[in-house]
């Protein structure tokens, strides 16, 4: 089995898999993080929203954001039985 993971820009079609990944990582997006708003972020700044995919399965995500003053990088990764997440500000 090929263990190679690829990194690519997220698409709106990835949102169900991303939400499942975030849930497994213990992350709970706010109520304002609707699929519509996340899809808008992907369309606006897709290079800031990246997924890691292995064998057609989303196994990780990196999302960067900026509020005009501060920036955040959120990382979620599922690798085998290990699941982790981190946020840098």
Protein backbone atom coordinates (compact mmCIF):
# COMPACT_ATOMS: atom_id res chain seq x y z
CA UNK A 1 0.00 0.00 0.00
CA UNK A 2 1.27 3.45 -0.92
CA UNK A 3 1.95 5.47 2.24
CA UNK A 4 2.60 8.71 0.35
CA UNK A 5 0.50 11.67 1.43
CA UNK A 6 -0.07 14.64 -0.83
CA UNK A 7 -0.71 18.24 0.16
CA UNK A 8 -3.22 20.22 -1.85
CA UNK A 9 -5.50 23.19 -1.50
CA UNK A 10 -8.79 22.40 0.20
CA UNK A 11 -12.05 22.49 -1.71
CA UNK A 12 -15.59 22.94 -0.46
CA UNK A 13 -16.11 19.23 -1.24
CA UNK A 14 -13.55 18.43 1.51
CA UNK A 15 -15.61 20.07 4.27
CA UNK A 16 -17.44 16.91 5.48
CA UNK A 17 -14.13 15.02 5.76
CA UNK A 18 -12.47 18.01 7.41
CA UNK A 19 -15.25 18.34 9.98
CA UNK A 20 -14.93 14.62 10.79
CA UNK A 21 -11.14 15.00 11.16
CA UNK A 22 -11.52 18.03 13.43
CA UNK A 23 -14.06 16.19 15.56
CA UNK A 24 -11.66 13.24 15.98
CA UNK A 25 -8.95 15.72 16.96
CA UNK A 26 -11.20 17.21 19.65
CA UNK A 27 -11.68 20.48 17.80
CA UNK A 28 -15.06 22.11 17.76
CA UNK A 29 -15.38 24.96 15.27
CA UNK A 30 -17.55 27.82 16.43
CA UNK A 31 -21.16 28.18 15.33
CA UNK A 32 -20.07 30.90 12.93
CA UNK A 33 -17.78 28.43 11.10
CA UNK A 34 -20.54 27.21 8.82
CA UNK A 35 -19.84 25.31 5.62
CA UNK A 36 -20.86 28.43 3.72
CA UNK A 37 -18.33 30.62 5.55
CA UNK A 38 -15.58 28.01 5.28
CA UNK A 39 -16.29 27.57 1.56
CA UNK A 40 -16.00 31.35 1.17
CA UNK A 41 -12.63 31.26 2.95
CA UNK A 42 -11.47 28.49 0.61
CA UNK A 43 -12.59 30.48 -2.44
CA UNK A 44 -11.02 33.70 -1.16
CA UNK A 45 -7.70 32.36 0.14
CA UNK A 46 -7.49 28.71 -0.86
CA UNK A 47 -3.71 28.65 -0.46
CA UNK A 48 -4.20 29.26 3.26
CA UNK A 49 -6.35 26.16 3.65
CA UNK A 50 -4.48 22.94 2.84
CA UNK A 51 -5.39 19.28 3.23
CA UNK A 52 -3.15 16.23 3.47
CA UNK A 53 -4.60 13.30 1.59
CA UNK A 54 -3.51 9.67 1.55
CA UNK A 55 -5.14 7.01 -0.61
CA UNK A 56 -8.06 9.39 -1.24
CA UNK A 57 -8.66 10.01 2.49
CA UNK A 58 -8.17 13.39 4.17
CA UNK A 59 -5.71 12.72 6.99
CA UNK A 60 -4.69 16.27 7.88
CA UNK A 61 -5.38 19.94 7.48
CA UNK A 62 -3.57 23.24 7.87
CA UNK A 63 -5.61 26.42 8.02
CA UNK A 64 -4.10 29.87 8.32
CA UNK A 65 -6.10 32.97 9.13
CA UNK A 66 -5.50 36.62 9.94
CA UNK A 67 -7.79 39.15 11.54
CA UNK A 68 -5.82 42.22 10.42
CA UNK A 69 -3.66 42.23 13.54
CA UNK A 70 -2.96 38.63 14.56
CA UNK A 71 -2.50 35.46 12.58
CA UNK A 72 -3.24 31.83 13.41
CA UNK A 73 -2.12 28.51 12.00
CA UNK A 74 -4.28 25.51 12.92
CA UNK A 75 -2.91 22.03 12.21
CA UNK A 76 -4.85 18.75 12.54
CA UNK A 77 -3.37 15.37 11.66
CA UNK A 78 -4.56 11.80 11.77
CA UNK A 79 -1.82 9.26 11.26
CA UNK A 80 -2.69 5.66 12.10
CA UNK A 81 -4.05 5.54 15.64
CA UNK A 82 -2.49 8.89 16.55
CA UNK A 83 -4.58 12.03 16.26
CA UNK A 84 -3.24 15.44 17.14
CA UNK A 85 -3.93 19.10 16.66
CA UNK A 86 -2.14 22.35 17.43
CA UNK A 87 -2.72 26.05 17.06
CA UNK A 88 0.01 28.66 16.76
CA UNK A 89 -0.74 32.31 17.25
